[in-house]
Amino acid sequence: MLLGEVRTSLLQHSVELSRPAARDLLQLRHGERVVSSTRPNQQVRSAGLLTGVDCKLPTGSRRTVRGVGTVLAQAVLTEGRLLQSSARVRIGERGTGQRRPWGHYLARPGTIEPTGPVADEDLMDGFLGAPSPGWLDLSAIADRLLADVQTRGRLDGRAPLESSRTRLLWTAALGPPAAHFTIENDTLRTLRLTLERVDPVAVAAFCEDLALHDWLLTTLLQLIERSGLGSASGAEPTRVLRPAVNHLLHLWMPGARLTGVLAQAWESLETSPGLTRQWAAAVQRVRDHLASQVSHATELFDRLQKTPLANGVMTQLVNNITELGDHQPAIVGAFTRRELRRLSDLLKELKAGQAAYDGEDQDWLLTLTHSAATAIDAISTAVDIGFWSTELGRRYLDAQRAAVRRGVPVRRIFVLQSSDQRAAERIRRVGCTHRDLGLNVRMVAVRDLPAWVRRPMSDFIVFDHAISYEVQTDQSGSDDSAGPDLMVASTLLVLSEDKVARRRQRFEDLWVIAGPLDGEQPVNGDAPPDGGDTPSGAEPTP
């Protein structure tokens, strides 16, 4: 009779181990032979490790029977990805109550001899039932071996997906061929096997194969449940299920190493509980979902190819996202997701005609300036006085100079809102710098504006007559509107044709009235250019 336990888990490593690396990993004792094979799949098996035991044997009747001998344990790695630890014992001759010298037990590796009479059925019931302290504990031996391999320095500790360990407790005894497999809970399974002939090596391999495929099925079902497949929308189900496709689906090969009566035993398990049927249904569900996502992605890609944005940038974005990998530090992943979400929100807002940013933007201003191809028309109020000495101000000035060099006309009106001569001089100096860089610059004081154009002033820049970049200011208590207490509260991008048209008209009205920096051009007075109440075609600016 045999008693055994198999523990199965995912190797804690980011990639599959090659055959040489796997052999090196399972070289647990110097000089011990590691066995490997490549057909029907790659499998590497460590040499057997012996653990001496002298303890109570588990019995269903709870009667005390001691056993002395050795437990044989091995580590098995399949396809460089799935790691198992397997511990087993053969129940040998029933003794007369006398313990023999250790040499006797060492000559019978993997065998425990009871010191007194005990029935096989009683031992199997006790082993598969609830354990008691001090009883034979194969679980501790298998768990220690598994932990020893998983924590070896050759592994990086980063598994490609989250999974649980499973345990298979099994017994094998002589009798009519039969296999009774039971799922006890989320991680524990039991197997009662009866055979006409019990070969310890072949039976252990059968149980390891069963444990491996049970783990695969259990893990796939857990991933499906965790993904929210059928209830969750968006990319989350695909994100959770993708590792299963990449790392698990190709490992399903039940009974491939079994022959004879053990192959027949596996066939009986395919009838009930029917592992392969359930696996096939789960795999088909995953593949159907991924196929639908691929179809949707193909449709989106086709639509993207037909837009002006299809210049390779979006393809580069997707490639860079995928190449970033799943094993970056958590903060990198969180930062990337937040930036992508921000980009998505920006595109959604632009589609709606207006995008907002709290505070002073650092990117929109420069990107729009570098992208302009037709014209840049800007109004600068008091909020700009200190801006031009900042790093962003200097970069913006360089971007405007580059626009002028590529033939884009840049016009700027500086609006003086106070009568402070020092503020006027500062604005004049800033304006001269702009003029020297090739910008067309004018200046106007609010007090000199005619009544028909004297409305609340705010900064805005119209790019290519199509989009308006606007800032809204907040004054934190200072009466000096040219002072440093005037701050940018928010930034807007406006695409509405009506609103942009009104900004353009507002700029043209001020451009006609404004004079050069030296102040020689006269102001047109309080009457509009055409003698009416408002300029021709002008609309009130909100």
Protein backbone atom coordinates (compact mmCIF):
# COMPACT_ATOMS: atom_id res chain seq x y z
CA MET A 1 0.00 0.00 0.00
CA LEU A 2 1.17 3.55 -0.78
CA LEU A 3 0.41 6.90 0.85
CA GLY A 4 1.42 10.15 -0.85
CA GLU A 5 0.94 13.87 -1.26
CA VAL A 6 1.56 16.18 -4.21
CA ARG A 7 1.83 19.94 -3.94
CA THR A 8 1.46 21.96 -7.14
CA SER A 9 2.23 25.61 -7.76
CA LEU A 10 3.39 28.08 -10.39
CA LEU A 11 7.13 28.59 -10.47
CA GLN A 12 7.93 31.99 -8.97
CA HIS A 13 9.81 33.25 -12.00
CA SER A 14 8.86 35.72 -14.71
CA VAL A 15 9.76 33.46 -17.65
CA GLU A 16 9.80 29.75 -18.39
CA LEU A 17 13.03 28.04 -17.44
CA SER A 18 15.02 26.41 -20.18
CA ARG A 19 15.89 22.75 -19.83
CA PRO A 20 19.49 23.43 -18.63
CA ALA A 21 18.27 26.05 -16.17
CA ALA A 22 15.60 23.66 -14.88
CA ARG A 23 18.16 20.90 -14.37
CA ASP A 24 20.35 23.32 -12.47
CA LEU A 25 17.42 24.44 -10.31
CA LEU A 26 16.54 20.86 -9.31
CA GLN A 27 20.11 19.84 -8.55
CA LEU A 28 19.17 19.70 -4.86
CA ARG A 29 22.07 17.54 -3.73
CA HIS A 30 25.59 17.67 -5.12
CA GLY A 31 26.34 14.68 -7.28
CA GLU A 32 22.73 13.43 -7.37
CA ARG A 33 21.30 12.65 -10.80
CA VAL A 34 18.61 14.91 -12.24
CA VAL A 35 16.39 13.23 -14.85
CA SER A 36 14.87 15.16 -17.75
CA SER A 37 12.81 14.40 -20.82
CA THR A 38 11.40 16.39 -23.73
CA ARG A 39 8.64 14.07 -24.98
CA PRO A 40 5.69 14.33 -24.83
CA ASN A 41 6.52 17.54 -22.96
CA GLN A 42 9.54 18.94 -21.15
CA GLN A 43 9.82 17.58 -17.63
CA VAL A 44 12.71 17.67 -15.17
CA ARG A 45 12.75 15.56 -12.03
CA SER A 46 15.11 15.85 -9.08
CA ALA A 47 16.77 12.91 -7.39
CA GLY A 48 14.82 11.36 -4.53
CA LEU A 49 15.39 12.88 -1.08
CA LEU A 50 14.96 10.73 2.01
CA THR A 51 13.60 11.95 5.35
CA GLY A 52 13.74 9.64 8.34
CA VAL A 53 10.56 9.42 10.45
CA ASP A 54 9.59 7.78 13.70
CA CYS A 55 6.03 8.81 14.53
CA LYS A 56 2.42 7.77 14.92
CA LEU A 57 0.72 6.54 11.79
CA PRO A 58 -2.66 8.03 10.88
CA THR A 59 -5.55 5.66 11.50
CA GLY A 60 -9.25 6.11 10.97
CA SER A 61 -9.94 4.23 14.19
CA ARG A 62 -7.59 6.58 16.10
CA ARG A 63 -5.71 3.63 17.57
CA THR A 64 -2.03 4.27 18.19
CA VAL A 65 0.41 2.59 15.84
CA ARG A 66 3.96 3.80 15.40
CA GLY A 67 5.82 3.70 12.12
CA VAL A 68 9.54 3.92 11.48
CA GLY A 69 11.29 4.38 8.14
CA THR A 70 11.91 6.98 5.45
CA VAL A 71 9.78 9.25 3.26
CA LEU A 72 10.84 9.67 -0.38
CA ALA A 73 10.36 13.17 -1.83
CA GLN A 74 11.04 14.61 -5.28
CA ALA A 75 10.62 17.94 -7.06
CA VAL A 76 9.22 17.99 -10.61
CA LEU A 77 9.21 20.92 -13.04
CA THR A 78 7.01 20.72 -16.14
CA GLU A 79 7.65 22.92 -19.18
CA GLY A 80 9.81 25.19 -17.05
CA ARG A 81 6.66 26.65 -15.50
CA LEU A 82 4.77 24.31 -13.12
CA LEU A 83 6.57 23.12 -10.00
CA GLN A 84 5.47 20.12 -7.93
CA SER A 85 6.79 18.49 -4.80
CA SER A 86 5.83 14.88 -4.29
CA ALA A 87 6.25 12.84 -1.10
CA ARG A 88 5.31 9.19 -0.71
CA VAL A 89 5.79 6.13 1.48
CA ARG A 90 5.17 2.44 1.05
CA ILE A 91 3.71 0.69 4.05
CA GLY A 92 6.00 -2.27 4.65
CA GLU A 93 5.91 -5.31 6.91
CA ARG A 94 4.00 -5.03 10.16
CA GLY A 95 6.45 -5.47 13.00
CA THR A 96 6.24 -7.05 16.41
CA GLY A 97 6.62 -3.84 18.39
CA GLN A 98 10.41 -3.79 18.30
CA ARG A 99 12.24 -0.99 16.50
CA ARG A 100 15.09 -2.12 14.27
CA PRO A 101 18.46 -0.40 13.62
CA TRP A 102 18.38 2.54 11.17
CA GLY A 103 20.46 0.61 8.70
CA HIS A 104 17.48 -1.68 8.18
CA TYR A 105 15.20 1.24 7.24
CA LEU A 106 17.78 3.01 5.10
CA ALA A 107 18.12 -0.12 3.02
CA ARG A 108 14.41 0.24 2.18
CA PRO A 109 14.09 3.86 0.90
CA GLY A 110 10.59 5.32 0.91
CA THR A 111 9.24 2.59 3.19
CA ILE A 112 7.68 2.85 6.64
CA GLU A 113 7.18 -0.24 8.75
CA PRO A 114 4.43 -0.18 11.41
CA THR A 115 5.62 -1.47 14.76
CA GLY A 116 2.32 -3.27 15.24
CA PRO A 117 -0.61 -4.74 13.33
CA VAL A 118 -2.86 -2.28 11.44
CA ALA A 119 -5.30 -2.73 8.55
CA ASP A 120 -4.66 -1.00 5.20
CA GLU A 121 -8.18 0.46 5.17
CA ASP A 122 -7.66 1.92 8.62
CA LEU A 123 -4.42 3.62 7.50
CA MET A 124 -6.00 5.00 4.32
CA ASP A 125 -9.00 6.40 6.19
CA GLY A 126 -6.74 8.09 8.72
CA PHE A 127 -4.38 9.50 6.10
CA LEU A 128 -7.17 11.03 3.98
CA GLY A 129 -9.10 12.24 7.02
CA ALA A 130 -8.42 15.05 9.46
CA PRO A 131 -4.78 14.88 10.66
CA SER A 132 -3.79 14.93 14.31
CA PRO A 133 -0.61 16.42 15.84
CA GLY A 134 2.28 14.01 15.94
CA TRP A 135 0.99 11.81 13.14
CA LEU A 136 2.90 11.12 9.94
CA ASP A 137 2.94 14.46 8.13
CA LEU A 138 3.84 14.17 4.45
CA SER A 139 2.45 17.68 3.98
CA ALA A 140 5.30 19.23 5.96
CA ILE A 141 7.91 17.35 3.93
CA ALA A 142 6.36 18.25 0.57
CA ASP A 143 5.83 21.87 1.61
CA ARG A 144 9.41 22.25 2.81
CA LEU A 145 10.76 20.88 -0.46
CA LEU A 146 8.53 23.18 -2.52
CA ALA A 147 9.57 26.23 -0.49
CA ASP A 148 13.24 25.27 -0.81
CA VAL A 149 13.04 25.25 -4.61
CA GLN A 150 10.88 28.39 -4.89
CA THR A 151 13.25 30.46 -2.77
CA ARG A 152 16.45 29.51 -4.54
CA GLY A 153 18.46 32.49 -5.74
CA ARG A 154 18.12 31.53 -9.41
CA LEU A 155 14.47 32.65 -9.42
CA ASP A 156 13.39 36.31 -9.55
CA GLY A 157 10.22 35.73 -7.48
CA ARG A 158 7.91 37.31 -10.09
CA ALA A 159 5.30 34.88 -11.35
CA PRO A 160 3.37 36.05 -14.44
CA LEU A 161 -0.02 35.52 -12.79
CA GLU A 162 -1.58 35.13 -9.35
CA SER A 163 -2.49 31.58 -8.37
CA SER A 164 -2.93 29.29 -5.37
CA ARG A 165 -1.15 26.09 -4.41
CA THR A 166 -3.13 22.88 -4.41
CA ARG A 167 -2.68 19.64 -2.43
CA LEU A 168 -3.51 16.12 -3.53
CA LEU A 169 -3.56 13.43 -0.84
CA TRP A 170 -3.61 9.98 -2.38
CA THR A 171 -3.61 6.33 -1.44
CA ALA A 172 -3.04 3.25 -3.59
CA ALA A 173 -3.77 -0.32 -2.61
CA LEU A 174 -4.33 -3.70 -4.22
CA GLY A 175 -7.82 -4.36 -5.49
CA PRO A 176 -10.10 -4.15 -8.52
CA PRO A 177 -9.01 -1.15 -10.66
CA ALA A 178 -10.85 1.99 -9.54
CA ALA A 179 -10.14 5.68 -8.94
CA HIS A 180 -12.19 7.91 -6.64
CA PHE A 181 -11.26 11.59 -6.90
CA THR A 182 -12.79 14.10 -4.47
CA ILE A 183 -12.52 17.91 -4.26
CA GLU A 184 -12.50 18.54 -0.51
CA ASN A 185 -12.17 22.35 -0.63
CA ASP A 186 -10.62 25.13 -2.71
CA THR A 187 -7.09 23.75 -2.42
CA LEU A 188 -7.36 20.13 -1.12
CA ARG A 189 -8.17 17.06 -3.20
CA THR A 190 -8.09 13.36 -2.29
CA LEU A 191 -7.68 10.25 -4.44
CA ARG A 192 -8.33 6.61 -3.55
CA LEU A 193 -6.74 4.32 -6.09
CA THR A 194 -6.99 0.53 -6.23
CA LEU A 195 -4.97 -1.49 -8.73
CA GLU A 196 -4.17 -5.09 -9.47
CA ARG A 197 -0.49 -4.23 -9.23
CA VAL A 198 0.96 -1.25 -7.32
CA ASP A 199 4.15 0.17 -8.85
CA PRO A 200 5.30 3.04 -6.57
CA VAL A 201 7.07 5.00 -9.33
CA ALA A 202 4.23 4.67 -11.88
CA VAL A 203 1.52 5.43 -9.29
CA ALA A 204 3.39 8.53 -8.06
CA ALA A 205 3.72 9.76 -11.67
CA PHE A 206 -0.03 9.20 -12.19
CA CYS A 207 -0.89 11.24 -9.10
CA GLU A 208 1.50 14.04 -10.11
CA ASP A 209 -0.13 14.18 -13.54
CA LEU A 210 -3.60 14.33 -11.99
CA ALA A 211 -2.51 17.04 -9.54
CA LEU A 212 -0.96 19.09 -12.34
CA HIS A 213 -4.07 19.06 -14.52
CA ASP A 214 -6.35 19.70 -11.57
CA TRP A 215 -4.21 22.74 -10.74
CA LEU A 216 -4.42 23.99 -14.33
CA LEU A 217 -8.21 23.68 -14.37
CA THR A 218 -8.57 25.24 -10.92
CA THR A 219 -6.33 28.18 -11.80
CA LEU A 220 -8.06 28.85 -15.12
CA LEU A 221 -11.49 28.84 -13.47
CA GLN A 222 -10.21 31.21 -10.77
CA LEU A 223 -8.85 33.58 -13.42
CA ILE A 224 -12.17 33.54 -15.28
CA GLU A 225 -14.02 34.34 -12.07
CA ARG A 226 -11.52 37.05 -11.11
CA SER A 227 -11.72 38.65 -14.56
CA GLY A 228 -15.45 39.24 -14.31
CA LEU A 229 -15.93 37.62 -17.70
CA GLY A 230 -19.60 37.97 -18.60
CA SER A 231 -20.22 40.83 -16.17
CA ALA A 232 -17.27 43.26 -16.32
CA SER A 233 -16.81 45.50 -19.34
CA GLY A 234 -13.77 47.12 -20.85
CA ALA A 235 -10.28 45.70 -20.99
CA GLU A 236 -10.14 44.21 -17.47
CA PRO A 237 -11.25 40.65 -18.43
CA THR A 238 -8.69 40.56 -21.24
CA ARG A 239 -5.93 41.87 -18.95
CA VAL A 240 -6.61 39.15 -16.36
CA LEU A 241 -7.02 36.30 -18.86
CA ARG A 242 -4.10 37.07 -21.15
CA PRO A 243 -1.48 35.44 -18.84
CA ALA A 244 -3.49 32.22 -18.89
CA VAL A 245 -3.29 32.12 -22.68
CA ASN A 246 0.42 32.88 -22.66
CA HIS A 247 1.49 30.55 -19.87
CA LEU A 248 -1.10 27.83 -19.14
CA LEU A 249 -3.22 26.66 -22.06
CA HIS A 250 -0.42 24.79 -23.84
CA LEU A 251 0.35 22.73 -20.71
CA TRP A 252 -2.84 20.65 -20.89
CA MET A 253 -1.76 17.13 -21.89
CA PRO A 254 -3.57 14.69 -19.58
CA GLY A 255 -2.35 11.09 -19.38
CA ALA A 256 0.33 11.62 -22.00
CA ARG A 257 2.95 9.74 -19.96
CA LEU A 258 0.65 6.95 -18.73
CA THR A 259 0.34 3.41 -20.05
CA GLY A 260 -1.57 0.25 -19.26
CA VAL A 261 -3.88 0.14 -16.30
CA LEU A 262 -2.99 3.67 -15.16
CA ALA A 263 -4.03 5.04 -18.55
CA GLN A 264 -7.34 3.24 -18.02
CA ALA A 265 -7.61 4.81 -14.57
CA TRP A 266 -7.22 8.23 -16.16
CA GLU A 267 -9.95 7.38 -18.68
CA SER A 268 -12.28 6.63 -15.77
CA LEU A 269 -11.55 10.10 -14.32
CA GLU A 270 -12.43 11.62 -17.70
CA THR A 271 -15.88 10.10 -17.30
CA SER A 272 -16.32 11.46 -13.79
CA PRO A 273 -15.46 14.21 -12.86
CA GLY A 274 -14.59 14.88 -16.53
CA LEU A 275 -11.64 17.24 -16.17
CA THR A 276 -10.97 17.58 -19.89
CA ARG A 277 -14.60 18.44 -20.71
CA GLN A 278 -14.61 21.21 -18.14
CA TRP A 279 -11.19 22.42 -19.31
CA ALA A 280 -12.30 22.50 -22.95
CA ALA A 281 -15.41 24.50 -22.07
CA ALA A 282 -13.40 27.01 -20.03
CA VAL A 283 -10.74 27.38 -22.73
CA GLN A 284 -13.39 27.91 -25.40
CA ARG A 285 -14.98 30.62 -23.30
CA VAL A 286 -11.65 32.40 -22.92
CA ARG A 287 -10.85 32.12 -26.61
CA ASP A 288 -14.31 33.35 -27.63
CA HIS A 289 -13.84 36.40 -25.44
CA LEU A 290 -10.38 37.12 -26.82
CA ALA A 291 -11.62 36.60 -30.38
CA SER A 292 -14.37 39.15 -29.81
CA GLN A 293 -11.81 41.56 -28.39
CA VAL A 294 -9.53 41.02 -31.37
CA SER A 295 -12.48 41.67 -33.70
CA HIS A 296 -13.29 44.86 -31.81
CA ALA A 297 -9.62 45.90 -31.81
CA THR A 298 -9.41 45.26 -35.56
CA GLU A 299 -12.48 47.42 -36.12
CA LEU A 300 -10.97 50.21 -34.01
CA PHE A 301 -7.65 49.93 -35.86
CA ASP A 302 -9.41 50.17 -39.22
CA ARG A 303 -11.25 53.27 -38.03
CA LEU A 304 -8.00 54.73 -36.73
CA GLN A 305 -6.24 54.12 -40.03
CA LYS A 306 -8.86 56.30 -41.73
CA THR A 307 -8.33 59.29 -39.42
CA PRO A 308 -5.69 62.03 -39.76
CA LEU A 309 -4.06 60.62 -36.61
CA ALA A 310 -3.01 57.46 -38.46
CA ASN A 311 0.57 58.61 -38.94
CA GLY A 312 2.29 55.90 -36.92
CA VAL A 313 2.06 57.67 -33.57
CA MET A 314 -0.80 55.52 -32.32
CA THR A 315 0.98 52.34 -33.40
CA GLN A 316 4.08 53.51 -31.54
CA LEU A 317 1.95 54.21 -28.47
CA VAL A 318 0.46 50.71 -28.47
CA ASN A 319 3.87 49.11 -29.04
CA ASN A 320 5.44 51.09 -26.22
CA ILE A 321 2.63 50.17 -23.84
CA THR A 322 3.02 46.47 -24.56
CA GLU A 323 6.82 46.62 -24.39
CA LEU A 324 6.66 48.33 -21.02
CA GLY A 325 5.82 44.89 -19.63
CA ASP A 326 3.90 43.60 -16.63
CA HIS A 327 6.85 43.51 -14.27
CA GLN A 328 7.54 47.18 -13.74
CA PRO A 329 7.34 48.56 -10.18
CA ALA A 330 3.77 49.23 -9.08
CA ILE A 331 4.31 53.00 -9.13
CA VAL A 332 5.34 52.86 -12.80
CA GLY A 333 2.19 50.98 -13.74
CA ALA A 334 -0.02 53.33 -11.72
CA PHE A 335 1.64 56.40 -13.26
CA THR A 336 1.29 55.02 -16.80
CA ARG A 337 -2.40 54.19 -16.31
CA ARG A 338 -3.10 57.65 -14.88
CA GLU A 339 -1.36 59.36 -17.80
CA LEU A 340 -3.24 57.24 -20.35
CA ARG A 341 -6.51 57.98 -18.56
CA ARG A 342 -5.68 61.69 -18.64
CA LEU A 343 -5.00 61.49 -22.38
CA SER A 344 -8.26 59.64 -22.93
CA ASP A 345 -10.16 62.27 -20.92
CA LEU A 346 -8.51 65.05 -22.94
CA LEU A 347 -9.59 63.48 -26.24
CA LYS A 348 -13.13 63.08 -24.92
CA GLU A 349 -13.25 66.73 -23.83
CA LEU A 350 -11.84 67.93 -27.16
CA LYS A 351 -14.56 65.96 -28.91
CA ALA A 352 -17.10 67.84 -26.77
CA GLY A 353 -15.58 71.18 -27.79
CA GLN A 354 -13.74 72.26 -24.64
CA ALA A 355 -11.03 70.84 -22.36
CA ALA A 356 -10.11 72.15 -18.91
CA TYR A 357 -6.99 71.92 -16.76
CA ASP A 358 -6.78 73.07 -13.14
CA GLY A 359 -4.01 75.62 -12.72
CA GLU A 360 -1.39 76.60 -15.28
CA ASP A 361 -0.81 74.02 -18.00
CA GLN A 362 2.75 72.98 -18.82
CA ASP A 363 2.25 71.05 -22.06
CA TRP A 364 -0.71 72.32 -24.09
CA LEU A 365 0.82 75.78 -24.63
CA LEU A 366 4.12 74.48 -26.02
CA THR A 367 2.56 71.68 -28.07
CA LEU A 368 0.07 74.02 -29.74
CA THR A 369 2.82 76.54 -30.50
CA HIS A 370 5.02 73.85 -32.06
CA SER A 371 2.01 72.54 -34.03
CA ALA A 372 0.73 75.86 -35.40
CA ALA A 373 0.95 76.18 -39.18
CA THR A 374 -1.17 79.23 -40.08
CA ALA A 375 -1.22 81.92 -37.38
CA ILE A 376 -0.83 82.61 -33.67
CA ASP A 377 -2.77 85.56 -32.20
CA ALA A 378 -2.35 86.23 -28.48
CA ILE A 379 -3.59 88.70 -25.86
CA SER A 380 -1.44 89.07 -22.72
CA THR A 381 -2.73 90.82 -19.60
CA ALA A 382 -1.17 91.47 -16.21
CA VAL A 383 -0.91 87.78 -15.43
CA ASP A 384 1.92 87.59 -18.00
CA ILE A 385 4.25 90.11 -16.37
CA GLY A 386 6.19 87.58 -14.29
CA PHE A 387 5.54 84.67 -16.65
CA TRP A 388 8.24 85.49 -19.18
CA SER A 389 11.07 85.12 -16.66
CA THR A 390 10.01 81.56 -15.75
CA GLU A 391 11.36 78.40 -17.36
CA LEU A 392 8.01 77.79 -19.09
CA GLY A 393 7.97 81.40 -20.32
CA ARG A 394 11.43 81.06 -21.84
CA ARG A 395 10.51 77.78 -23.51
CA TYR A 396 7.32 79.34 -24.88
CA LEU A 397 9.32 82.27 -26.25
CA ASP A 398 11.69 79.84 -28.01
CA ALA A 399 8.71 77.98 -29.47
CA GLN A 400 7.26 81.25 -30.83
CA ARG A 401 10.61 82.14 -32.41
CA ALA A 402 10.67 78.70 -34.06
CA ALA A 403 7.14 79.32 -35.38
CA VAL A 404 8.22 82.64 -36.91
CA ARG A 405 11.21 80.96 -38.56
CA ARG A 406 8.97 78.40 -40.25
CA GLY A 407 6.77 81.19 -41.63
CA VAL A 408 3.96 81.31 -39.06
CA PRO A 409 2.96 84.94 -38.30
CA VAL A 410 2.76 85.58 -34.54
CA ARG A 411 0.89 88.64 -33.24
CA ARG A 412 0.67 89.62 -29.59
CA ILE A 413 -1.20 92.45 -27.84
CA PHE A 414 -0.03 93.44 -24.35
CA VAL A 415 -2.90 94.93 -22.34
CA LEU A 416 -1.96 97.31 -19.51
CA GLN A 417 -4.73 97.25 -16.90
CA SER A 418 -3.35 99.77 -14.41
CA SER A 419 -1.89 103.26 -14.58
CA ASP A 420 1.33 102.14 -12.89
CA GLN A 421 4.18 103.48 -15.03
CA ARG A 422 6.56 100.86 -13.67
CA ALA A 423 4.23 98.11 -14.84
CA ALA A 424 3.96 99.78 -18.23
CA GLU A 425 7.73 99.91 -18.52
CA ARG A 426 8.07 96.25 -17.58
CA ILE A 427 5.52 95.28 -20.23
CA ARG A 428 7.30 97.45 -22.78
CA ARG A 429 10.61 95.69 -22.06
CA VAL A 430 8.99 92.28 -22.41
CA GLY A 431 7.34 93.39 -25.63
CA CYS A 432 10.64 94.56 -27.06
CA THR A 433 12.10 91.12 -26.44
CA HIS A 434 9.22 89.59 -28.39
CA ARG A 435 9.63 92.09 -31.20
CA ASP A 436 13.35 91.37 -31.46
CA LEU A 437 12.54 87.68 -31.95
CA GLY A 438 10.35 88.45 -34.97
CA LEU A 439 6.91 88.69 -33.35
CA ASN A 440 4.50 91.48 -34.35
CA VAL A 441 3.78 93.21 -31.03
CA ARG A 442 1.38 95.98 -30.00
CA MET A 443 0.35 97.45 -26.66
CA VAL A 444 -2.82 99.08 -25.32
CA ALA A 445 -3.99 100.43 -21.96
CA VAL A 446 -7.47 99.60 -20.73
CA ARG A 447 -8.07 103.27 -19.88
CA ASP A 448 -7.52 104.16 -23.55
CA LEU A 449 -10.02 101.65 -24.92
CA PRO A 450 -13.24 103.00 -26.46
CA ALA A 451 -16.42 102.16 -24.59
CA TRP A 452 -17.60 99.71 -27.23
CA VAL A 453 -14.58 97.45 -26.71
CA ARG A 454 -13.93 97.95 -22.99
CA ARG A 455 -14.94 94.64 -21.49
CA PRO A 456 -13.31 92.35 -18.87
CA MET A 457 -9.92 91.23 -20.14
CA SER A 458 -8.52 87.73 -20.04
CA ASP A 459 -5.57 86.05 -21.67
CA PHE A 460 -6.21 83.90 -24.72
CA ILE A 461 -4.25 82.64 -27.73
CA VAL A 462 -5.91 81.59 -30.98
CA PHE A 463 -3.93 78.98 -32.92
CA ASP A 464 -4.52 78.59 -36.65
CA HIS A 465 -7.91 80.37 -36.29
CA ALA A 466 -9.28 77.07 -34.94
CA ILE A 467 -8.52 76.59 -31.24
CA SER A 468 -8.37 79.06 -28.37
CA TYR A 469 -6.01 78.57 -25.44
CA GLU A 470 -7.37 80.54 -22.47
CA VAL A 471 -6.39 81.17 -18.88
CA GLN A 472 -8.66 82.20 -16.04
CA THR A 473 -7.05 84.14 -13.22
CA ASP A 474 -7.64 84.40 -9.50
CA GLN A 475 -6.60 87.43 -7.48
CA SER A 476 -5.70 86.50 -3.91
CA GLY A 477 -6.41 89.80 -2.19
CA SER A 478 -4.07 92.33 -3.79
CA ASP A 479 -5.45 95.58 -5.24
CA ASP A 480 -2.48 95.83 -7.57
CA SER A 481 -3.67 93.95 -10.62
CA ALA A 482 -0.15 93.96 -12.00
CA GLY A 483 1.31 92.45 -8.88
CA PRO A 484 2.44 88.90 -8.24
CA ASP A 485 -0.77 87.92 -6.43
CA LEU A 486 -2.63 87.47 -9.72
CA MET A 487 -2.51 83.73 -10.39
CA VAL A 488 -3.71 81.31 -13.06
CA ALA A 489 -6.68 79.37 -11.68
CA SER A 490 -7.41 77.19 -14.71
CA THR A 491 -6.61 76.68 -18.38
CA LEU A 492 -9.09 75.98 -21.15
CA LEU A 493 -8.85 74.68 -24.70
CA VAL A 494 -11.86 75.91 -26.69
CA LEU A 495 -12.75 74.33 -30.06
CA SER A 496 -16.32 75.60 -30.46
CA GLU A 497 -16.44 77.42 -33.80
CA ASP A 498 -18.72 80.17 -32.47
CA LYS A 499 -16.56 80.83 -29.42
CA VAL A 500 -13.32 80.76 -31.39
CA ALA A 501 -14.84 83.18 -33.91
CA ARG A 502 -15.70 85.58 -31.09
CA ARG A 503 -12.14 85.37 -29.74
CA ARG A 504 -10.77 86.12 -33.20
CA GLN A 505 -13.04 89.12 -33.57
CA ARG A 506 -12.07 90.32 -30.11
CA PHE A 507 -8.40 90.13 -31.05
CA GLU A 508 -8.92 91.99 -34.35
CA ASP A 509 -10.83 94.79 -32.56
CA LEU A 510 -7.99 95.24 -30.07
CA TRP A 511 -5.33 94.94 -32.77
CA VAL A 512 -6.81 97.89 -34.67
CA ILE A 513 -6.90 100.04 -31.52
CA ALA A 514 -3.54 99.01 -30.01
CA GLY A 515 -0.39 100.91 -30.84
CA PRO A 516 3.27 100.09 -31.15
CA LEU A 517 5.42 99.73 -28.07
CA ASP A 518 6.77 103.29 -28.31
CA GLY A 519 3.21 104.68 -28.05
CA GLU A 520 3.36 106.83 -31.17
CA GLN A 521 0.28 105.38 -32.84
CA PRO A 522 -2.83 107.34 -31.71
CA VAL A 523 -5.82 105.63 -30.20
CA ASN A 524 -8.98 105.78 -32.34
CA GLY A 525 -11.10 107.40 -29.61
CA ASP A 526 -14.46 106.39 -28.22
CA ALA A 527 -16.17 105.82 -31.57
CA PRO A 528 -15.99 102.49 -33.33
CA PRO A 529 -14.19 102.38 -36.68
CA ASP A 530 -17.42 102.31 -38.73
CA GLY A 531 -19.20 104.95 -36.63
CA GLY A 532 -21.72 102.45 -35.23
CA ASP A 533 -22.21 101.06 -31.76
CA THR A 534 -19.94 98.08 -32.34
CA PRO A 535 -17.39 97.02 -34.97
CA SER A 536 -18.81 95.41 -38.05
CA GLY A 537 -19.40 91.73 -37.49
CA ALA A 538 -18.36 91.87 -33.81
CA GLU A 539 -20.17 89.96 -31.11
CA PRO A 540 -19.98 90.46 -27.35
CA THR A 541 -17.20 88.38 -25.82
CA PRO A 542 -18.33 86.32 -22.84
